[in-house]
């Protein structure tokens, strides 16, 4: 899955009690729609994400 837009904050490196590490970050996607006979409506969808394949990506995910 590919989710693209903007970070809401810099990524955080987290460690579980069993010492596994992962990167946690949140993405906000702005979108809009226009109902028939009405004005445009804008909304934001937030995605809380975790990346488990390597922690080196964290320094690239800065806000």
Protein backbone atom coordinates (compact mmCIF):
# COMPACT_ATOMS: atom_id res chain seq x y z
CA UNK A 1 0.00 0.00 0.00
CA UNK A 2 1.26 3.47 -0.79
CA UNK A 3 0.11 6.43 1.30
CA UNK A 4 1.44 9.83 0.30
CA UNK A 5 0.86 13.28 1.75
CA UNK A 6 2.33 14.97 4.81
CA UNK A 7 3.80 13.91 8.13
CA UNK A 8 2.02 15.27 11.18
CA UNK A 9 5.21 15.02 13.30
CA UNK A 10 8.69 13.53 13.06
CA UNK A 11 8.94 9.74 13.24
CA UNK A 12 9.72 8.11 16.58
CA UNK A 13 11.88 5.06 17.16
CA UNK A 14 10.14 2.72 19.63
CA UNK A 15 11.23 -0.45 21.38
CA UNK A 16 8.98 -3.27 22.56
CA UNK A 17 9.59 -5.14 25.85
CA UNK A 18 11.20 -8.00 23.85
CA UNK A 19 13.72 -5.48 22.39
CA UNK A 20 12.23 -5.41 18.87
CA UNK A 21 12.40 -1.91 17.39
CA UNK A 22 10.11 -0.14 14.95
CA UNK A 23 9.44 3.33 13.58
CA UNK A 24 6.12 5.04 14.39
CA UNK A 25 4.75 8.01 12.44
CA UNK A 26 1.48 9.62 11.39
CA UNK A 27 0.39 10.92 7.98
CA UNK A 28 -2.41 13.40 7.25
CA UNK A 29 -4.19 13.41 3.91
CA UNK A 30 -6.26 16.43 2.89
CA UNK A 31 -9.14 15.75 0.56
CA UNK A 32 -12.39 17.30 -0.60
CA UNK A 33 -15.62 16.49 -2.36
CA UNK A 34 -18.53 18.48 -3.74
CA UNK A 35 -22.03 17.14 -3.14
CA UNK A 36 -24.47 17.87 -5.92
CA UNK A 37 -26.07 21.29 -5.36
CA UNK A 38 -23.80 22.14 -2.42
CA UNK A 39 -20.45 23.77 -1.69
CA UNK A 40 -17.15 21.91 -1.57
CA UNK A 41 -16.50 19.99 1.66
CA UNK A 42 -12.91 19.57 2.91
CA UNK A 43 -11.72 16.92 5.34
CA UNK A 44 -8.54 15.34 6.70
CA UNK A 45 -7.84 11.63 7.18
CA UNK A 46 -5.08 10.57 9.59
CA UNK A 47 -3.09 7.33 9.29
CA UNK A 48 -1.01 6.04 12.20
CA UNK A 49 1.79 3.98 10.67
CA UNK A 50 4.46 1.56 11.90
CA UNK A 51 7.51 0.50 9.90
CA UNK A 52 9.16 -2.75 11.00
CA UNK A 53 11.70 -3.55 8.25
CA UNK A 54 14.47 -1.26 9.54
CA UNK A 55 14.89 1.69 11.86
CA UNK A 56 17.24 3.66 9.58
CA UNK A 57 14.25 5.18 7.79
CA UNK A 58 13.38 7.26 10.88
CA UNK A 59 15.91 10.01 10.11
CA UNK A 60 14.24 10.55 6.70
CA UNK A 61 10.79 10.99 8.23
CA UNK A 62 11.11 14.41 9.81
CA UNK A 63 8.60 17.20 9.96
